[in-house]
Amino acid sequence: MTLTLLTQDFTLLLSATKMTAYPKPDEDGILSGLYLYTTEGEDGDNVGVSTLLVGIGYDGSTVGQFAVPVSGTLAAPILLPYRDTGWLSQMCDKAKLVAGKTDKEAEHTVELTVNGSSLTVKTLTDGFPADYDVYGNCPILDTSQYPAKEAKTRLFTQGLGEGVTPEPDAMVWLFGTGALKVMQTATKILKSPVRVFPSAINGGPAVLTDGVRWRGVTSVEPYEGGTGCVPDIEPLDVPEPAPAPKEDSSSAPTPTDDAEVTGDTDESDE
């Protein structure tokens, strides 16, 4: 089971999946893991169906999905430890940086091979290992306890579709700090604004996307203001500033001949 994909796609996949994974591996190593698998689907804006490597991150509240094109398939999903994603990304990015300085036209890729309970990650330049290319072995966690079914159910949440009448106040979204942090991180990592698609239920989950490769679903707290989507805080009047005081010309100093200074000197007096 060997996969090959662009280095920048692999490191971006790790970062994007990690955004919604449970951030405390010491408390829950399984839930904090990155759930990876291959499937067939559309690759962003590219036309047609291709093989994709998909990463799922789920913290028990917010779930995220990110997919990149890949050559090869996985026989079964794998689960990468949260802590190992950091050194994997650094290792691959460093090799790619050297490759770019050596040959700007070179294609830098990553080769992933599952060997029992570990994943071997190798970097390649134009399909072959260069002197600066590296490899490392990352442990694979047991996937049997990962809540994949729960993550899938949440991931398939649909936004407010055509012809669906939303509940009163369903269009008022109350995001907690967790959801806001995910959206802030997504705009930084994906370099794209986050699109929010509300559900028809007040307090129902909201679907988040970057419009290309990433899809997330996060919790929204119910709004109990009962205002019919009218803002519940009224604007306060903003007064115009007072005009600047006019200067009194009678009190201004009058220039005199003694105050005038010129740059000309008469050297004939010397």
Protein backbone atom coordinates (compact mmCIF):
# COMPACT_ATOMS: atom_id res chain seq x y z
CA MET A 1 0.00 0.00 0.00
CA THR A 2 1.97 2.97 -1.30
CA LEU A 3 0.64 6.45 -1.99
CA THR A 4 2.34 9.29 -3.85
CA LEU A 5 1.29 12.94 -3.68
CA LEU A 6 2.77 16.41 -3.89
CA THR A 7 4.67 17.47 -0.78
CA GLN A 8 2.71 20.70 -0.38
CA ASP A 9 -0.55 18.76 -0.60
CA PHE A 10 0.56 16.33 2.11
CA THR A 11 1.67 18.99 4.57
CA LEU A 12 -1.45 21.08 3.89
CA LEU A 13 -3.60 17.99 4.48
CA LEU A 14 -1.97 17.48 7.88
CA SER A 15 -2.46 21.12 8.89
CA ALA A 16 -6.05 21.33 7.65
CA THR A 17 -7.07 18.06 9.32
CA LYS A 18 -5.38 19.00 12.57
CA MET A 19 -7.52 22.16 12.79
CA THR A 20 -10.57 20.21 13.96
CA ALA A 21 -8.89 17.27 15.71
CA TYR A 22 -9.12 17.11 19.51
CA PRO A 23 -6.16 19.29 20.59
CA LYS A 24 -5.24 17.41 23.79
CA PRO A 25 -3.61 14.08 22.88
CA ASP A 26 -2.68 13.42 26.52
CA GLU A 27 -6.39 13.29 27.39
CA ASP A 28 -7.59 11.35 24.36
CA GLY A 29 -5.01 10.01 21.92
CA ILE A 30 -7.63 8.42 19.66
CA LEU A 31 -9.96 11.41 19.27
CA SER A 32 -6.97 13.67 18.67
CA GLY A 33 -5.74 11.45 15.85
CA LEU A 34 -5.93 12.28 12.15
CA TYR A 35 -8.17 9.78 10.35
CA LEU A 36 -6.90 9.23 6.78
CA TYR A 37 -8.40 7.18 3.96
CA THR A 38 -8.66 7.15 0.15
CA THR A 39 -11.77 7.48 -1.96
CA GLU A 40 -12.93 8.66 -5.38
CA GLY A 41 -14.23 12.20 -5.79
CA GLU A 42 -13.80 15.65 -7.30
CA ASP A 43 -10.60 17.52 -6.60
CA GLY A 44 -11.58 21.11 -5.88
CA ASP A 45 -12.21 23.07 -9.06
CA ASN A 46 -10.69 20.40 -11.31
CA VAL A 47 -13.08 18.69 -13.68
CA GLY A 48 -13.62 14.94 -13.33
CA VAL A 49 -13.23 12.30 -10.66
CA SER A 50 -9.86 11.30 -9.22
CA THR A 51 -8.44 9.35 -6.32
CA LEU A 52 -8.31 11.46 -3.16
CA LEU A 53 -6.53 11.16 0.15
CA VAL A 54 -8.98 12.45 2.76
CA GLY A 55 -8.22 13.61 6.27
CA ILE A 56 -10.86 13.78 9.02
CA GLY A 57 -10.37 15.71 12.25
CA TYR A 58 -13.11 15.55 14.90
CA ASP A 59 -12.96 16.99 18.40
CA GLY A 60 -16.40 15.76 19.47
CA SER A 61 -18.10 18.99 18.46
CA THR A 62 -16.55 20.28 15.24
CA VAL A 63 -15.62 17.96 12.38
CA GLY A 64 -13.48 18.83 9.38
CA GLN A 65 -12.73 17.11 6.07
CA PHE A 66 -9.88 17.94 3.68
CA ALA A 67 -8.98 16.09 0.48
CA VAL A 68 -6.03 16.15 -1.94
CA PRO A 69 -5.32 14.16 -5.13
CA VAL A 70 -3.16 11.09 -4.69
CA SER A 71 -1.76 8.18 -6.68
CA GLY A 72 -2.53 4.82 -5.08
CA THR A 73 -5.05 3.68 -2.51
CA LEU A 74 -5.20 2.61 1.12
CA ALA A 75 -6.66 -0.81 1.89
CA ALA A 76 -8.18 0.58 5.09
CA PRO A 77 -8.25 3.89 6.99
CA ILE A 78 -5.26 4.76 9.16
CA LEU A 79 -5.02 6.98 12.25
CA LEU A 80 -1.98 9.22 12.74
CA PRO A 81 -1.04 10.46 16.22
CA TYR A 82 -1.61 14.19 16.75
CA ARG A 83 1.93 14.76 18.06
CA ASP A 84 3.66 13.16 15.07
CA THR A 85 2.11 15.47 12.51
CA GLY A 86 4.43 18.29 13.55
CA TRP A 87 7.76 16.62 12.80
CA LEU A 88 6.34 14.99 9.66
CA SER A 89 5.41 18.38 8.22
CA GLN A 90 8.75 19.93 9.19
CA MET A 91 10.71 17.05 7.67
CA CYS A 92 8.85 17.25 4.35
CA ASP A 93 8.86 21.04 4.15
CA LYS A 94 12.60 21.19 4.78
CA ALA A 95 13.37 18.71 1.98
CA LYS A 96 11.06 20.56 -0.40
CA LEU A 97 12.76 23.86 0.41
CA VAL A 98 16.19 22.44 -0.46
CA ALA A 99 14.79 20.88 -3.64
CA GLY A 100 13.42 24.24 -4.73
CA LYS A 101 16.79 25.93 -4.20
CA THR A 102 18.56 23.15 -6.09
CA ASP A 103 16.19 22.97 -9.05
CA LYS A 104 13.19 25.29 -9.30
CA GLU A 105 11.58 23.07 -11.95
CA ALA A 106 11.80 19.85 -9.92
CA GLU A 107 8.60 18.14 -8.74
CA HIS A 108 8.83 17.30 -5.07
CA THR A 109 6.59 14.52 -3.79
CA VAL A 110 5.97 12.36 -0.75
CA GLU A 111 5.67 8.58 -0.78
CA LEU A 112 3.57 6.98 1.97
CA THR A 113 3.83 3.28 2.69
CA VAL A 114 1.89 1.39 5.36
CA ASN A 115 4.05 -1.22 7.11
CA GLY A 116 2.00 -2.96 9.77
CA SER A 117 1.61 -0.52 12.64
CA SER A 118 3.72 2.26 11.14
CA LEU A 119 3.68 4.63 8.17
CA THR A 120 6.91 5.21 6.27
CA VAL A 121 7.13 8.70 4.80
CA LYS A 122 9.76 9.35 2.09
CA THR A 123 10.42 12.52 0.14
CA LEU A 124 11.35 12.30 -3.56
CA THR A 125 12.59 14.72 -6.20
CA ASP A 126 11.29 14.01 -9.70
CA GLY A 127 10.41 10.51 -8.53
CA PHE A 128 13.81 9.63 -7.02
CA PRO A 129 15.49 10.26 -3.66
CA ALA A 130 18.04 13.07 -3.89
CA ASP A 131 20.90 13.57 -1.43
CA TYR A 132 18.77 16.00 0.58
CA ASP A 133 15.62 13.85 0.59
CA VAL A 134 14.69 12.13 3.84
CA TYR A 135 12.40 9.51 5.33
CA GLY A 136 10.81 8.73 8.66
CA ASN A 137 8.51 6.23 10.32
CA CYS A 138 5.34 7.37 12.05
CA PRO A 139 3.32 5.05 14.33
CA ILE A 140 -0.26 4.22 13.34
CA LEU A 141 -2.95 4.07 16.03
CA ASP A 142 -5.73 1.51 16.33
CA THR A 143 -8.70 2.84 14.34
CA SER A 144 -11.31 0.56 15.93
CA GLN A 145 -12.16 3.11 18.65
CA TYR A 146 -12.25 6.17 16.41
CA PRO A 147 -15.79 7.68 16.18
CA ALA A 148 -15.85 7.59 12.37
CA LYS A 149 -19.61 6.94 12.18
CA GLU A 150 -20.37 9.91 14.43
CA ALA A 151 -18.00 12.13 12.47
CA LYS A 152 -19.61 11.06 9.18
CA THR A 153 -23.15 11.77 10.45
CA ARG A 154 -22.13 15.26 11.51
CA LEU A 155 -20.14 15.87 8.34
CA PHE A 156 -23.21 15.14 6.20
CA THR A 157 -25.18 17.96 7.85
CA GLN A 158 -26.92 19.95 5.14
CA GLY A 159 -27.25 23.71 5.11
CA LEU A 160 -30.42 25.67 4.54
CA GLY A 161 -31.55 24.35 1.15
CA GLU A 162 -33.89 25.87 -1.41
CA GLY A 163 -37.55 25.74 -0.41
CA VAL A 164 -36.78 25.09 3.27
CA THR A 165 -38.39 27.50 5.72
CA PRO A 166 -36.07 28.22 8.64
CA GLU A 167 -37.26 28.40 12.22
CA PRO A 168 -37.64 31.86 13.78
CA ASP A 169 -34.23 33.21 14.72
CA ALA A 170 -32.44 30.32 12.94
CA MET A 171 -30.49 32.88 10.96
CA VAL A 172 -28.94 34.28 14.16
CA TRP A 173 -25.77 32.30 14.84
CA LEU A 174 -24.10 32.13 18.24
CA PHE A 175 -20.55 30.85 17.80
CA GLY A 176 -18.49 29.89 20.82
CA THR A 177 -14.74 30.39 21.12
CA GLY A 178 -14.02 26.90 19.75
CA ALA A 179 -15.91 27.46 16.49
CA LEU A 180 -14.48 30.94 16.05
CA LYS A 181 -10.95 29.63 16.57
CA VAL A 182 -11.46 26.98 13.88
CA MET A 183 -12.69 29.61 11.41
CA GLN A 184 -9.81 31.93 12.23
CA THR A 185 -7.28 29.13 11.80
CA ALA A 186 -8.92 27.98 8.56
CA THR A 187 -8.58 31.40 6.95
CA LYS A 188 -4.88 31.44 7.87
CA ILE A 189 -4.00 27.88 6.78
CA LEU A 190 -6.21 27.71 3.69
CA LYS A 191 -5.62 31.35 2.75
CA SER A 192 -9.29 31.78 1.97
CA PRO A 193 -12.38 33.30 3.62
CA VAL A 194 -14.65 30.81 5.38
CA ARG A 195 -18.19 30.40 4.06
CA VAL A 196 -20.93 29.72 6.62
CA PHE A 197 -24.08 27.81 5.62
CA PRO A 198 -26.70 27.80 8.40
CA SER A 199 -29.20 25.00 8.98
CA ALA A 200 -32.96 25.57 9.20
CA ILE A 201 -33.01 24.78 12.92
CA ASN A 202 -32.33 27.40 15.56
CA GLY A 203 -29.16 26.20 17.26
CA GLY A 204 -28.54 23.60 14.55
CA PRO A 205 -24.99 23.01 13.32
CA ALA A 206 -23.52 25.25 10.64
CA VAL A 207 -21.58 24.01 7.61
CA LEU A 208 -18.24 25.72 6.93
CA THR A 209 -16.27 25.54 3.68
CA ASP A 210 -13.46 27.29 1.82
CA GLY A 211 -15.31 26.68 -1.43
CA VAL A 212 -12.57 24.37 -2.78
CA ARG A 213 -11.29 21.48 -0.65
CA TRP A 214 -12.31 21.91 2.98
CA ARG A 215 -15.66 21.22 4.61
CA GLY A 216 -16.40 21.52 8.30
CA VAL A 217 -19.45 21.34 10.54
CA THR A 218 -19.50 23.14 13.86
CA SER A 219 -21.90 23.68 16.72
CA VAL A 220 -24.07 26.78 17.00
CA GLU A 221 -25.73 27.73 20.27
CA PRO A 222 -29.50 28.37 20.08
CA TYR A 223 -30.59 31.99 20.02
CA GLU A 224 -33.39 32.66 22.50
CA GLY A 225 -33.87 36.37 21.89
CA GLY A 226 -37.11 35.89 19.98
CA THR A 227 -36.45 38.99 17.86
CA GLY A 228 -37.23 37.45 14.48
CA CYS A 229 -33.64 38.00 13.34
CA VAL A 230 -33.79 41.71 14.24
CA PRO A 231 -30.61 42.74 16.13
CA ASP A 232 -31.31 42.76 19.86
CA ILE A 233 -29.12 45.78 20.64
CA GLU A 234 -30.29 49.15 19.31
CA PRO A 235 -27.70 51.56 17.90
CA LEU A 236 -26.97 54.63 20.02
CA ASP A 237 -26.80 58.08 18.46
CA VAL A 238 -23.33 59.33 17.52
CA PRO A 239 -23.08 63.14 17.81
CA GLU A 240 -21.15 65.20 15.32
CA PRO A 241 -17.90 66.65 16.72
CA ALA A 242 -17.89 70.32 17.72
CA PRO A 243 -16.38 72.62 15.08
CA ALA A 244 -12.82 73.74 15.61
CA PRO A 245 -12.57 77.21 17.25
CA LYS A 246 -11.88 80.02 14.79
CA GLU A 247 -8.55 81.79 15.21
CA ASP A 248 -8.77 85.48 16.32
CA SER A 249 -6.77 87.46 13.72
CA SER A 250 -6.46 90.50 16.08
CA SER A 251 -4.34 88.57 18.53
CA ALA A 252 -1.96 87.14 15.92
CA PRO A 253 1.62 88.58 15.99
CA THR A 254 2.46 91.15 13.31
CA PRO A 255 5.69 90.52 11.36
CA THR A 256 8.34 93.26 11.72
CA ASP A 257 11.48 94.11 9.80
CA ASP A 258 13.57 93.01 12.79
CA ALA A 259 12.00 89.53 12.65
CA GLU A 260 12.91 89.00 9.02
CA VAL A 261 15.91 86.79 8.40
CA THR A 262 17.53 86.39 5.02
CA GLY A 263 20.37 84.29 3.77
CA ASP A 264 22.15 87.19 2.04
CA THR A 265 25.18 88.87 3.64
CA ASP A 266 27.14 91.98 2.61
CA GLU A 267 30.81 91.02 2.69
CA SER A 268 31.87 94.54 1.66
CA ASP A 269 31.49 95.81 5.26
CA GLU A 270 34.08 93.37 6.52
